[in-house]
């Protein structure tokens, strides 16, 4: 599943930033990602799973996805990113 633009805007309004949606876990190996980014493993009620990479505070990310999809979060783990989030944002506008 991929989030649509409206869903991304809602999640971003929680102080998060969706970097990738509907990606594979291999995307999380990118060391150029910000060091506050997480690989999310999410599942819908029908069993469909998907992965998103989101930067932000862990509690804000959880709240955004919970408010939008309910109990969809199966796992949240750090990516391999090691860039300062402020510098990453400046280079990826």
C-alpha atoms as a PDB file:
ATOM      1  CA  UNK A   1       0.000   0.000   0.000  1.00  0.00           C
ATOM      2  CA  UNK A   2       1.148   3.514  -0.722  1.00  0.00           C
ATOM      3  CA  UNK A   3      -0.149   6.544   1.096  1.00  0.00           C
ATOM      4  CA  UNK A   4      -1.809   9.167  -1.071  1.00  0.00           C
ATOM      5  CA  UNK A   5      -0.861  12.847  -0.956  1.00  0.00           C
ATOM      6  CA  UNK A   6      -3.710  13.728   1.414  1.00  0.00           C
ATOM      7  CA  UNK A   7      -2.684  11.001   3.884  1.00  0.00           C
ATOM      8  CA  UNK A   8       0.944  12.140   3.705  1.00  0.00           C
ATOM      9  CA  UNK A   9      -0.129  15.721   4.445  1.00  0.00           C
ATOM     10  CA  UNK A  10      -2.114  14.565   7.488  1.00  0.00           C
ATOM     11  CA  UNK A  11       0.820  12.542   8.848  1.00  0.00           C
ATOM     12  CA  UNK A  12       3.199  15.431   8.196  1.00  0.00           C
ATOM     13  CA  UNK A  13       0.866  17.722  10.162  1.00  0.00           C
ATOM     14  CA  UNK A  14       1.821  15.735  13.300  1.00  0.00           C
ATOM     15  CA  UNK A  15       5.376  17.067  13.016  1.00  0.00           C
ATOM     16  CA  UNK A  16       6.613  14.050  11.078  1.00  0.00           C
ATOM     17  CA  UNK A  17       7.897  13.789   7.536  1.00  0.00           C
ATOM     18  CA  UNK A  18       7.097  10.843   5.294  1.00  0.00           C
ATOM     19  CA  UNK A  19      10.241  10.096   3.295  1.00  0.00           C
ATOM     20  CA  UNK A  20       9.159   6.912   1.491  1.00  0.00           C
ATOM     21  CA  UNK A  21       5.823   5.130   1.430  1.00  0.00           C
ATOM     22  CA  UNK A  22       5.112   1.647   0.136  1.00  0.00           C
ATOM     23  CA  UNK A  23       8.835   0.855   0.009  1.00  0.00           C
ATOM     24  CA  UNK A  24      10.859  -2.241   0.790  1.00  0.00           C
ATOM     25  CA  UNK A  25      12.928  -2.637   3.978  1.00  0.00           C
ATOM     26  CA  UNK A  26      16.063  -2.308   1.841  1.00  0.00           C
ATOM     27  CA  UNK A  27      15.419   1.449   1.633  1.00  0.00           C
ATOM     28  CA  UNK A  28      16.222   1.669   5.361  1.00  0.00           C
ATOM     29  CA  UNK A  29      19.852   0.662   4.692  1.00  0.00           C
ATOM     30  CA  UNK A  30      20.548   4.067   3.086  1.00  0.00           C
ATOM     31  CA  UNK A  31      23.089   5.827   5.311  1.00  0.00           C
ATOM     32  CA  UNK A  32      22.173   9.229   3.821  1.00  0.00           C
ATOM     33  CA  UNK A  33      18.786   9.153   5.594  1.00  0.00           C
ATOM     34  CA  UNK A  34      18.374  11.336   8.691  1.00  0.00           C
ATOM     35  CA  UNK A  35      19.328   9.697  11.987  1.00  0.00           C
ATOM     36  CA  UNK A  36      15.816  10.259  13.369  1.00  0.00           C
ATOM     37  CA  UNK A  37      14.113   8.224  10.647  1.00  0.00           C
ATOM     38  CA  UNK A  38      12.261   4.986  11.251  1.00  0.00           C
ATOM     39  CA  UNK A  39      11.301   2.014   9.135  1.00  0.00           C
ATOM     40  CA  UNK A  40       7.667   1.234   9.888  1.00  0.00           C
ATOM     41  CA  UNK A  41       6.132  -2.168   9.308  1.00  0.00           C
ATOM     42  CA  UNK A  42       2.386  -1.683   9.002  1.00  0.00           C
ATOM     43  CA  UNK A  43      -0.532  -4.025   8.407  1.00  0.00           C
ATOM     44  CA  UNK A  44      -4.147  -3.526   7.483  1.00  0.00           C
ATOM     45  CA  UNK A  45      -6.990  -5.601   8.901  1.00  0.00           C
ATOM     46  CA  UNK A  46      -7.073  -7.693   5.709  1.00  0.00           C
ATOM     47  CA  UNK A  47      -3.466  -8.791   6.336  1.00  0.00           C
ATOM     48  CA  UNK A  48      -1.865  -6.577   3.691  1.00  0.00           C
ATOM     49  CA  UNK A  49       1.493  -5.263   4.960  1.00  0.00           C
ATOM     50  CA  UNK A  50       3.533  -2.305   3.790  1.00  0.00           C
ATOM     51  CA  UNK A  51       6.585  -0.314   4.834  1.00  0.00           C
ATOM     52  CA  UNK A  52       7.073   3.427   5.215  1.00  0.00           C
ATOM     53  CA  UNK A  53      10.117   5.444   6.200  1.00  0.00           C
ATOM     54  CA  UNK A  54       9.249   8.445   8.332  1.00  0.00           C
ATOM     55  CA  UNK A  55      11.364  10.940  10.235  1.00  0.00           C
ATOM     56  CA  UNK A  56      10.299  12.573  13.465  1.00  0.00           C
ATOM     57  CA  UNK A  57       9.695  11.798  17.099  1.00  0.00           C
ATOM     58  CA  UNK A  58       8.656   8.212  17.730  1.00  0.00           C
ATOM     59  CA  UNK A  59       5.544   9.188  19.694  1.00  0.00           C
ATOM     60  CA  UNK A  60       4.377  11.631  16.995  1.00  0.00           C
ATOM     61  CA  UNK A  61       4.819   9.013  14.282  1.00  0.00           C
ATOM     62  CA  UNK A  62       2.892   6.436  16.288  1.00  0.00           C
ATOM     63  CA  UNK A  63       0.089   8.903  17.053  1.00  0.00           C
ATOM     64  CA  UNK A  64      -0.250   9.932  13.401  1.00  0.00           C
ATOM     65  CA  UNK A  65      -0.543   6.367  12.117  1.00  0.00           C
ATOM     66  CA  UNK A  66      -2.775   5.254  14.985  1.00  0.00           C
ATOM     67  CA  UNK A  67      -5.174   8.160  14.464  1.00  0.00           C
ATOM     68  CA  UNK A  68      -5.329   7.489  10.730  1.00  0.00           C
ATOM     69  CA  UNK A  69      -5.346   3.669  10.549  1.00  0.00           C
ATOM     70  CA  UNK A  70      -5.947   2.351  14.074  1.00  0.00           C
ATOM     71  CA  UNK A  71      -3.914  -0.666  15.190  1.00  0.00           C
ATOM     72  CA  UNK A  72      -1.764  -0.903  12.069  1.00  0.00           C
ATOM     73  CA  UNK A  73       1.739  -0.496  13.520  1.00  0.00           C
ATOM     74  CA  UNK A  74       3.537  -3.825  13.805  1.00  0.00           C
ATOM     75  CA  UNK A  75       7.127  -2.632  14.144  1.00  0.00           C
ATOM     76  CA  UNK A  76       9.060   0.639  14.311  1.00  0.00           C
ATOM     77  CA  UNK A  77      12.839   0.502  14.062  1.00  0.00           C
ATOM     78  CA  UNK A  78      15.607   2.949  13.254  1.00  0.00           C
ATOM     79  CA  UNK A  79      16.944   3.125   9.727  1.00  0.00           C
ATOM     80  CA  UNK A  80      20.688   3.049   9.090  1.00  0.00           C
ATOM     81  CA  UNK A  81      20.617   6.789   8.385  1.00  0.00           C
ATOM     82  CA  UNK A  82      23.329   8.827  10.035  1.00  0.00           C
ATOM     83  CA  UNK A  83      22.752  12.359   8.688  1.00  0.00           C
ATOM     84  CA  UNK A  84      21.839  15.252  10.934  1.00  0.00           C
ATOM     85  CA  UNK A  85      18.104  15.874  10.285  1.00  0.00           C
ATOM     86  CA  UNK A  86      18.657  19.620   9.893  1.00  0.00           C
ATOM     87  CA  UNK A  87      21.310  19.069   7.233  1.00  0.00           C
ATOM     88  CA  UNK A  88      19.295  16.355   5.513  1.00  0.00           C
ATOM     89  CA  UNK A  89      16.274  18.627   5.209  1.00  0.00           C
ATOM     90  CA  UNK A  90      18.356  21.455   3.760  1.00  0.00           C
ATOM     91  CA  UNK A  91      19.717  19.193   1.016  1.00  0.00           C
ATOM     92  CA  UNK A  92      16.430  17.463   0.164  1.00  0.00           C
ATOM     93  CA  UNK A  93      13.822  20.207  -0.253  1.00  0.00           C
END
